[in-house]
Structure formats: structure tokens, C-alpha cells
Amino acid sequence: MTGQEVLSDLGEGLPLGEAVYRALREALRSGVYRPGDRLREEEVANRLNVSRTPVREAFGRLVSKGLVVPGQGRGLIVRRLDQAEVVELYAMREILEAAAARLAARHASEPEIDALRDIEKDFEAARDAAEMARLNRIFHESIFAASRNRYLDSALQELQDAIALLGSTTFTVDARPSSAAAEHRALIEAMAARDGDKADALARAHIHEALRARLKLMQRG
């Protein structure tokens, strides 16, 4: 895919600085850029086939959101979260995920529940940790969409930017893929049964286990 195709996919008619910002944000979320990676204006401009001016504008926004920091010499560095920030992030994620699951139990349509089951089947069939992480992201975004609450969805989008700074996926931790799959299945069935209380509790437990895996991953160095 060419740089112009990347920008086009993110929205026709957007100001170029906004399109570049969205492209970089998506690259962070999808793991193209990872904590510690260096971003340089010239390289990004060449990759996206734009001038350096919109790249500079996008870099300014990334800095203001705390996603990147100035590096030694030229360019910016994708920031790493320390352990305290990780714990704070997961605490907020637990609140939002629980609220989304509770609302989805009330509002999700049958096709949306079926779609969640399909995503979960694909997750269980995946053998690559990066693919599991991609499907897991889609799974959780689908729950937020099914919650029918634009403000909750907006909060998730903000959270996704911080999640991008976590680095390696927890699905490289032993047994985490299988336990996450079981947690996903239980959560789907609670939503399908329209049991908001149970969906809330299961979502909280799911994020709690994800944090345990994250801290274990961080201890590895």
C-alpha cells in the first residue's frame, strides 16, 4: 500500500496534517512503531509521500498527547510507560470495559453477539501472538460499539493511544492466550443472556488478569 493509499483509507477530504496524525496514531496502535522507536520527519514524509510540514504538525500533536518525546539528536522517541502508569492505565481500562460490557448486555443485537463469537473463534485459531493481539483489539472495540454510547466509545479511543505505549503483547506470556479465550467466551455468554451484572464482573476480572500478565511481562525485562 502506498503512502497516499494509507492516507486515503483514513478519510477522504481530511486536512493533510490530520490525515498524517491519524496514520501515525494507527501505526502506533498496530505496533508498526513500538516504545523506544525513533520517528524522523524525513522518513515519515517519504513513507507517506507528503511534505515535512504536515508531518511536523502531526509530530506536535503526538508530543502534546504524551505519546512521543524528544530524543537525543534529531527526531522523536515513542514513549515507554513505567509500572505506575501501567497500573493506572489498567485501572481506567477496567472501569471502561466493565461499563461497556454492562451496556452491551442491554443493547447488543443478535448479529453483534454472533460477530463476537466469530472473532473469538478466530482468536482461538490464531497461532501468532501479534494476530491474537489484533483480534483481541477488534473484540473489545466491538463490545464498545455494541454498548451504544458515543461518549464511552470516545473514551476508549483516547485509551487506545495509551495502550499503544505498552509494547509487547501479553499473549506471549505462558497460558495467557488460553485463559483470555475462556474469559472472552464467558463474557460473550453473559452479554447474550442480557446479564449486565455478570458481564460487568467478568469484564473486570478479564482486565485484572490482563494486568497480571502485563506485570509478569514487564518483570521479564
C-alpha atoms as a PDB file:
ATOM      1  CA  MET A   1       0.000   0.000   0.000  1.00  0.00           C
ATOM      2  CA  THR A   2       1.377   3.411  -0.966  1.00  0.00           C
ATOM      3  CA  GLY A   3       1.596   6.354   1.409  1.00  0.00           C
ATOM      4  CA  GLN A   4      -1.244   8.107  -0.384  1.00  0.00           C
ATOM      5  CA  GLU A   5      -3.407   4.977  -0.125  1.00  0.00           C
ATOM      6  CA  VAL A   6      -2.739   4.860   3.631  1.00  0.00           C
ATOM      7  CA  LEU A   7      -3.871   8.461   3.985  1.00  0.00           C
ATOM      8  CA  SER A   8      -6.885   7.913   1.726  1.00  0.00           C
ATOM      9  CA  ASP A   9      -8.050   4.942   3.803  1.00  0.00           C
ATOM     10  CA  LEU A  10      -8.095   7.146   6.902  1.00  0.00           C
ATOM     11  CA  GLY A  11     -10.565   9.601   5.445  1.00  0.00           C
ATOM     12  CA  GLU A  12     -11.121  11.494   2.203  1.00  0.00           C
ATOM     13  CA  GLY A  13     -11.033  15.260   2.423  1.00  0.00           C
ATOM     14  CA  LEU A  14      -9.176  15.496   5.722  1.00  0.00           C
ATOM     15  CA  PRO A  15      -6.596  18.263   6.163  1.00  0.00           C
ATOM     16  CA  LEU A  16      -3.224  16.712   5.409  1.00  0.00           C
ATOM     17  CA  GLY A  17      -1.873  17.284   8.922  1.00  0.00           C
ATOM     18  CA  GLU A  18      -4.888  15.462  10.383  1.00  0.00           C
ATOM     19  CA  ALA A  19      -4.505  12.576   7.931  1.00  0.00           C
ATOM     20  CA  VAL A  20      -0.809  12.188   8.780  1.00  0.00           C
ATOM     21  CA  TYR A  21      -1.604  12.327  12.508  1.00  0.00           C
ATOM     22  CA  ARG A  22      -4.214   9.585  12.121  1.00  0.00           C
ATOM     23  CA  ALA A  23      -1.812   7.464  10.074  1.00  0.00           C
ATOM     24  CA  LEU A  24       0.865   7.752  12.756  1.00  0.00           C
ATOM     25  CA  ARG A  25      -1.617   7.065  15.543  1.00  0.00           C
ATOM     26  CA  GLU A  26      -2.803   3.932  13.751  1.00  0.00           C
ATOM     27  CA  ALA A  27       0.820   2.853  13.205  1.00  0.00           C
ATOM     28  CA  LEU A  28       1.373   3.163  16.962  1.00  0.00           C
ATOM     29  CA  ARG A  29      -1.780   1.219  17.788  1.00  0.00           C
ATOM     30  CA  SER A  30      -0.989  -1.578  15.342  1.00  0.00           C
ATOM     31  CA  GLY A  31       2.604  -1.946  16.522  1.00  0.00           C
ATOM     32  CA  VAL A  32       4.354  -0.581  13.440  1.00  0.00           C
ATOM     33  CA  TYR A  33       6.032   1.816  15.857  1.00  0.00           C
ATOM     34  CA  ARG A  34       6.821   0.488  19.316  1.00  0.00           C
ATOM     35  CA  PRO A  35       8.077   2.028  22.565  1.00  0.00           C
ATOM     36  CA  GLY A  36      11.680   3.141  22.094  1.00  0.00           C
ATOM     37  CA  ASP A  37      11.404   3.501  18.315  1.00  0.00           C
ATOM     38  CA  ARG A  38      12.609   6.755  16.767  1.00  0.00           C
ATOM     39  CA  LEU A  39      10.437   8.821  14.434  1.00  0.00           C
ATOM     40  CA  ARG A  40      12.082  11.208  11.980  1.00  0.00           C
ATOM     41  CA  GLU A  41      10.273  13.805   9.909  1.00  0.00           C
ATOM     42  CA  GLU A  42      12.049  12.978   6.685  1.00  0.00           C
ATOM     43  CA  GLU A  43      11.441   9.219   6.942  1.00  0.00           C
ATOM     44  CA  VAL A  44       7.746   9.627   7.737  1.00  0.00           C
ATOM     45  CA  ALA A  45       7.300  12.204   4.970  1.00  0.00           C
ATOM     46  CA  ASN A  46       8.904   9.843   2.458  1.00  0.00           C
ATOM     47  CA  ARG A  47       6.847   6.877   3.613  1.00  0.00           C
ATOM     48  CA  LEU A  48       3.563   8.754   3.354  1.00  0.00           C
ATOM     49  CA  ASN A  49       4.623  10.729   0.263  1.00  0.00           C
ATOM     50  CA  VAL A  50       3.882  14.130   1.808  1.00  0.00           C
ATOM     51  CA  SER A  51       5.921  17.218   2.629  1.00  0.00           C
ATOM     52  CA  ARG A  52       7.528  17.633   6.038  1.00  0.00           C
ATOM     53  CA  THR A  53       5.113  20.388   7.081  1.00  0.00           C
ATOM     54  CA  PRO A  54       2.083  18.123   7.844  1.00  0.00           C
ATOM     55  CA  VAL A  55       4.450  15.602   9.448  1.00  0.00           C
ATOM     56  CA  ARG A  56       5.791  18.333  11.733  1.00  0.00           C
ATOM     57  CA  GLU A  57       2.206  19.284  12.615  1.00  0.00           C
ATOM     58  CA  ALA A  58       1.341  15.633  13.391  1.00  0.00           C
ATOM     59  CA  PHE A  59       4.504  15.244  15.488  1.00  0.00           C
ATOM     60  CA  GLY A  60       3.457  18.272  17.543  1.00  0.00           C
ATOM     61  CA  ARG A  61       0.129  16.629  18.338  1.00  0.00           C
ATOM     62  CA  LEU A  62       1.789  13.352  19.302  1.00  0.00           C
ATOM     63  CA  VAL A  63       4.099  15.228  21.669  1.00  0.00           C
ATOM     64  CA  SER A  64       1.194  17.151  23.223  1.00  0.00           C
ATOM     65  CA  LYS A  65      -0.633  13.858  23.880  1.00  0.00           C
ATOM     66  CA  GLY A  66       2.459  12.388  25.549  1.00  0.00           C
ATOM     67  CA  LEU A  67       2.833   9.593  23.002  1.00  0.00           C
ATOM     68  CA  VAL A  68       6.321  10.584  21.877  1.00  0.00           C
ATOM     69  CA  VAL A  69       9.141  12.571  23.489  1.00  0.00           C
ATOM     70  CA  PRO A  70      12.166  14.366  22.038  1.00  0.00           C
ATOM     71  CA  GLY A  71      15.108  12.043  21.561  1.00  0.00           C
ATOM     72  CA  GLN A  72      18.783  12.822  21.701  1.00  0.00           C
ATOM     73  CA  GLY A  73      19.745  14.371  18.408  1.00  0.00           C
ATOM     74  CA  ARG A  74      17.099  14.540  15.695  1.00  0.00           C
ATOM     75  CA  GLY A  75      13.643  13.022  15.837  1.00  0.00           C
ATOM     76  CA  LEU A  76      11.235  11.802  18.493  1.00  0.00           C
ATOM     77  CA  ILE A  77      11.088   8.610  20.557  1.00  0.00           C
ATOM     78  CA  VAL A  78       7.925   6.587  21.193  1.00  0.00           C
ATOM     79  CA  ARG A  79       7.470   6.792  24.950  1.00  0.00           C
ATOM     80  CA  ARG A  80       7.536   3.861  27.372  1.00  0.00           C
ATOM     81  CA  LEU A  81       5.133   3.659  30.297  1.00  0.00           C
ATOM     82  CA  ASP A  82       6.546   2.964  33.736  1.00  0.00           C
ATOM     83  CA  GLN A  83       4.900   0.442  36.074  1.00  0.00           C
ATOM     84  CA  ALA A  84       2.864   3.055  37.954  1.00  0.00           C
ATOM     85  CA  GLU A  85       1.450   4.359  34.662  1.00  0.00           C
ATOM     86  CA  VAL A  86       0.622   0.827  33.542  1.00  0.00           C
ATOM     87  CA  VAL A  87      -1.316   0.131  36.741  1.00  0.00           C
ATOM     88  CA  GLU A  88      -3.200   3.429  36.353  1.00  0.00           C
ATOM     89  CA  LEU A  89      -3.971   2.632  32.716  1.00  0.00           C
ATOM     90  CA  TYR A  90      -5.399  -0.785  33.539  1.00  0.00           C
ATOM     91  CA  ALA A  91      -7.453   0.684  36.402  1.00  0.00           C
ATOM     92  CA  MET A  92      -9.124   3.025  33.920  1.00  0.00           C
ATOM     93  CA  ARG A  93      -9.444   0.261  31.358  1.00  0.00           C
ATOM     94  CA  GLU A  94     -11.224  -1.933  33.915  1.00  0.00           C
ATOM     95  CA  ILE A  95     -13.787   0.803  34.547  1.00  0.00           C
ATOM     96  CA  LEU A  96     -14.453   1.437  30.864  1.00  0.00           C
ATOM     97  CA  GLU A  97     -14.503  -2.219  29.816  1.00  0.00           C
ATOM     98  CA  ALA A  98     -16.928  -3.093  32.622  1.00  0.00           C
ATOM     99  CA  ALA A  99     -19.258  -0.252  31.661  1.00  0.00           C
ATOM    100  CA  ALA A 100     -19.127  -1.260  28.002  1.00  0.00           C
ATOM    101  CA  ALA A 101     -19.889  -4.906  28.799  1.00  0.00           C
ATOM    102  CA  ARG A 102     -22.823  -3.936  31.027  1.00  0.00           C
ATOM    103  CA  LEU A 103     -24.307  -1.694  28.325  1.00  0.00           C
ATOM    104  CA  ALA A 104     -23.635  -4.227  25.568  1.00  0.00           C
ATOM    105  CA  ALA A 105     -25.557  -6.821  27.583  1.00  0.00           C
ATOM    106  CA  ARG A 106     -28.518  -4.473  27.271  1.00  0.00           C
ATOM    107  CA  HIS A 107     -28.106  -3.193  23.725  1.00  0.00           C
ATOM    108  CA  ALA A 108     -26.138  -5.688  21.609  1.00  0.00           C
ATOM    109  CA  SER A 109     -28.092  -7.192  18.731  1.00  0.00           C
ATOM    110  CA  GLU A 110     -28.022 -10.912  17.998  1.00  0.00           C
ATOM    111  CA  PRO A 111     -25.822 -10.356  14.913  1.00  0.00           C
ATOM    112  CA  GLU A 112     -23.361  -8.420  17.084  1.00  0.00           C
ATOM    113  CA  ILE A 113     -23.239 -11.261  19.606  1.00  0.00           C
ATOM    114  CA  ASP A 114     -22.688 -13.715  16.744  1.00  0.00           C
ATOM    115  CA  ALA A 115     -19.908 -11.499  15.389  1.00  0.00           C
ATOM    116  CA  LEU A 116     -18.201 -11.554  18.795  1.00  0.00           C
ATOM    117  CA  ARG A 117     -18.360 -15.350  18.764  1.00  0.00           C
ATOM    118  CA  ASP A 118     -16.790 -15.378  15.293  1.00  0.00           C
ATOM    119  CA  ILE A 119     -13.983 -13.063  16.394  1.00  0.00           C
ATOM    120  CA  GLU A 120     -13.345 -15.267  19.404  1.00  0.00           C
ATOM    121  CA  LYS A 121     -13.150 -18.384  17.198  1.00  0.00           C
ATOM    122  CA  ASP A 122     -10.574 -16.620  15.023  1.00  0.00           C
ATOM    123  CA  PHE A 123      -8.661 -15.612  18.150  1.00  0.00           C
ATOM    124  CA  GLU A 124      -8.522 -19.220  19.340  1.00  0.00           C
ATOM    125  CA  ALA A 125      -7.413 -20.412  15.903  1.00  0.00           C
ATOM    126  CA  ALA A 126      -4.592 -17.853  15.686  1.00  0.00           C
ATOM    127  CA  ARG A 127      -1.082 -19.140  16.376  1.00  0.00           C
ATOM    128  CA  ASP A 128       0.755 -15.829  16.183  1.00  0.00           C
ATOM    129  CA  ALA A 129       0.771 -13.504  19.206  1.00  0.00           C
ATOM    130  CA  ALA A 130       0.565 -10.390  17.015  1.00  0.00           C
ATOM    131  CA  GLU A 131      -2.527 -11.745  15.264  1.00  0.00           C
ATOM    132  CA  MET A 132      -4.076 -12.588  18.638  1.00  0.00           C
ATOM    133  CA  ALA A 133      -3.440  -9.008  19.755  1.00  0.00           C
ATOM    134  CA  ARG A 134      -5.076  -7.643  16.599  1.00  0.00           C
ATOM    135  CA  LEU A 135      -8.160  -9.823  17.053  1.00  0.00           C
ATOM    136  CA  ASN A 136      -8.326  -9.013  20.755  1.00  0.00           C
ATOM    137  CA  ARG A 137      -8.394  -5.324  19.915  1.00  0.00           C
ATOM    138  CA  ILE A 138     -11.236  -5.904  17.435  1.00  0.00           C
ATOM    139  CA  PHE A 139     -13.097  -7.961  20.052  1.00  0.00           C
ATOM    140  CA  HIS A 140     -13.003  -5.195  22.635  1.00  0.00           C
ATOM    141  CA  GLU A 141     -13.771  -2.458  20.115  1.00  0.00           C
ATOM    142  CA  SER A 142     -16.816  -4.480  19.047  1.00  0.00           C
ATOM    143  CA  ILE A 143     -18.097  -4.592  22.611  1.00  0.00           C
ATOM    144  CA  PHE A 144     -17.737  -0.831  22.881  1.00  0.00           C
ATOM    145  CA  ALA A 145     -19.605  -0.391  19.600  1.00  0.00           C
ATOM    146  CA  ALA A 146     -22.397  -2.646  20.901  1.00  0.00           C
ATOM    147  CA  SER A 147     -22.689  -0.539  24.071  1.00  0.00           C
ATOM    148  CA  ARG A 148     -24.391   2.206  22.006  1.00  0.00           C
ATOM    149  CA  ASN A 149     -22.690   5.004  23.939  1.00  0.00           C
ATOM    150  CA  ARG A 150     -20.685   7.501  21.913  1.00  0.00           C
ATOM    151  CA  TYR A 151     -19.038   9.017  24.990  1.00  0.00           C
ATOM    152  CA  LEU A 152     -17.818   5.656  26.187  1.00  0.00           C
ATOM    153  CA  ASP A 153     -16.503   4.903  22.702  1.00  0.00           C
ATOM    154  CA  SER A 154     -14.714   8.257  22.627  1.00  0.00           C
ATOM    155  CA  ALA A 155     -13.065   7.450  25.963  1.00  0.00           C
ATOM    156  CA  LEU A 156     -11.923   4.105  24.536  1.00  0.00           C
ATOM    157  CA  GLN A 157     -10.298   5.847  21.576  1.00  0.00           C
ATOM    158  CA  GLU A 158      -8.276   8.010  23.964  1.00  0.00           C
ATOM    159  CA  LEU A 159      -7.326   4.935  25.974  1.00  0.00           C
ATOM    160  CA  GLN A 160      -6.173   3.068  22.865  1.00  0.00           C
ATOM    161  CA  ASP A 161      -3.462   5.659  22.350  1.00  0.00           C
ATOM    162  CA  ALA A 162      -2.029   4.922  25.793  1.00  0.00           C
ATOM    163  CA  ILE A 163      -2.423   1.163  25.278  1.00  0.00           C
ATOM    164  CA  ALA A 164      -0.194   1.518  22.210  1.00  0.00           C
ATOM    165  CA  LEU A 165       2.651   2.512  24.558  1.00  0.00           C
ATOM    166  CA  LEU A 166       2.539  -0.828  26.391  1.00  0.00           C
ATOM    167  CA  GLY A 167       4.783  -2.564  23.873  1.00  0.00           C
ATOM    168  CA  SER A 168       4.822  -6.339  23.528  1.00  0.00           C
ATOM    169  CA  THR A 169       1.515  -8.185  23.723  1.00  0.00           C
ATOM    170  CA  THR A 170       0.685 -10.202  26.836  1.00  0.00           C
ATOM    171  CA  PHE A 171      -0.208 -13.113  24.562  1.00  0.00           C
ATOM    172  CA  THR A 172       3.472 -14.069  24.681  1.00  0.00           C
ATOM    173  CA  VAL A 173       3.011 -14.922  28.378  1.00  0.00           C
ATOM    174  CA  ASP A 174       2.548 -18.649  29.021  1.00  0.00           C
ATOM    175  CA  ALA A 175      -1.097 -19.750  29.173  1.00  0.00           C
ATOM    176  CA  ARG A 176      -2.438 -16.215  28.653  1.00  0.00           C
ATOM    177  CA  PRO A 177      -3.954 -16.954  25.199  1.00  0.00           C
ATOM    178  CA  SER A 178      -5.981 -19.905  26.537  1.00  0.00           C
ATOM    179  CA  SER A 179      -7.119 -18.103  29.691  1.00  0.00           C
ATOM    180  CA  ALA A 180      -8.054 -14.988  27.712  1.00  0.00           C
ATOM    181  CA  ALA A 181     -10.081 -17.109  25.317  1.00  0.00           C
ATOM    182  CA  ALA A 182     -12.028 -18.666  28.193  1.00  0.00           C
ATOM    183  CA  GLU A 183     -12.637 -15.207  29.652  1.00  0.00           C
ATOM    184  CA  HIS A 184     -13.867 -13.945  26.270  1.00  0.00           C
ATOM    185  CA  ARG A 185     -16.287 -16.864  25.902  1.00  0.00           C
ATOM    186  CA  ALA A 186     -17.755 -16.335  29.367  1.00  0.00           C
ATOM    187  CA  LEU A 187     -18.161 -12.624  28.694  1.00  0.00           C
ATOM    188  CA  ILE A 188     -19.954 -13.254  25.398  1.00  0.00           C
ATOM    189  CA  GLU A 189     -22.405 -15.626  27.029  1.00  0.00           C
ATOM    190  CA  ALA A 190     -23.151 -13.153  29.831  1.00  0.00           C
ATOM    191  CA  MET A 191     -23.941 -10.475  27.258  1.00  0.00           C
ATOM    192  CA  ALA A 192     -26.004 -12.918  25.219  1.00  0.00           C
ATOM    193  CA  ALA A 193     -28.003 -13.747  28.367  1.00  0.00           C
ATOM    194  CA  ARG A 194     -28.570  -9.996  28.949  1.00  0.00           C
ATOM    195  CA  ASP A 195     -26.952 -10.316  32.388  1.00  0.00           C
ATOM    196  CA  GLY A 196     -25.392  -6.894  32.861  1.00  0.00           C
ATOM    197  CA  ASP A 197     -24.158  -7.557  36.394  1.00  0.00           C
ATOM    198  CA  LYS A 198     -22.325 -10.708  35.336  1.00  0.00           C
ATOM    199  CA  ALA A 199     -20.917  -9.076  32.198  1.00  0.00           C
ATOM    200  CA  ASP A 200     -19.590  -6.197  34.320  1.00  0.00           C
ATOM    201  CA  ALA A 201     -17.925  -8.568  36.800  1.00  0.00           C
ATOM    202  CA  LEU A 202     -16.431 -10.760  34.080  1.00  0.00           C
ATOM    203  CA  ALA A 203     -15.042  -7.768  32.200  1.00  0.00           C
ATOM    204  CA  ARG A 204     -13.380  -6.515  35.391  1.00  0.00           C
ATOM    205  CA  ALA A 205     -11.884  -9.937  36.065  1.00  0.00           C
ATOM    206  CA  HIS A 206     -10.668 -10.160  32.466  1.00  0.00           C
ATOM    207  CA  ILE A 207      -8.794  -6.847  32.689  1.00  0.00           C
ATOM    208  CA  HIS A 208      -7.430  -7.787  36.128  1.00  0.00           C
ATOM    209  CA  GLU A 209      -5.933 -10.953  34.626  1.00  0.00           C
ATOM    210  CA  ALA A 210      -4.586  -8.958  31.686  1.00  0.00           C
ATOM    211  CA  LEU A 211      -2.802  -6.663  34.146  1.00  0.00           C
ATOM    212  CA  ARG A 212      -1.283  -9.642  35.946  1.00  0.00           C
ATOM    213  CA  ALA A 213       0.074 -10.891  32.628  1.00  0.00           C
ATOM    214  CA  ARG A 214       1.343  -7.399  31.752  1.00  0.00           C
ATOM    215  CA  LEU A 215       3.248  -7.058  35.021  1.00  0.00           C
ATOM    216  CA  LYS A 216       4.728 -10.517  34.538  1.00  0.00           C
ATOM    217  CA  LEU A 217       5.836  -9.494  31.053  1.00  0.00           C
ATOM    218  CA  MET A 218       7.421  -6.314  32.422  1.00  0.00           C
ATOM    219  CA  GLN A 219       9.350  -8.345  35.032  1.00  0.00           C
ATOM    220  CA  ARG A 220      10.985 -10.252  32.196  1.00  0.00           C
ATOM    221  CA  GLY A 221      12.620  -7.008  31.136  1.00  0.00           C
END
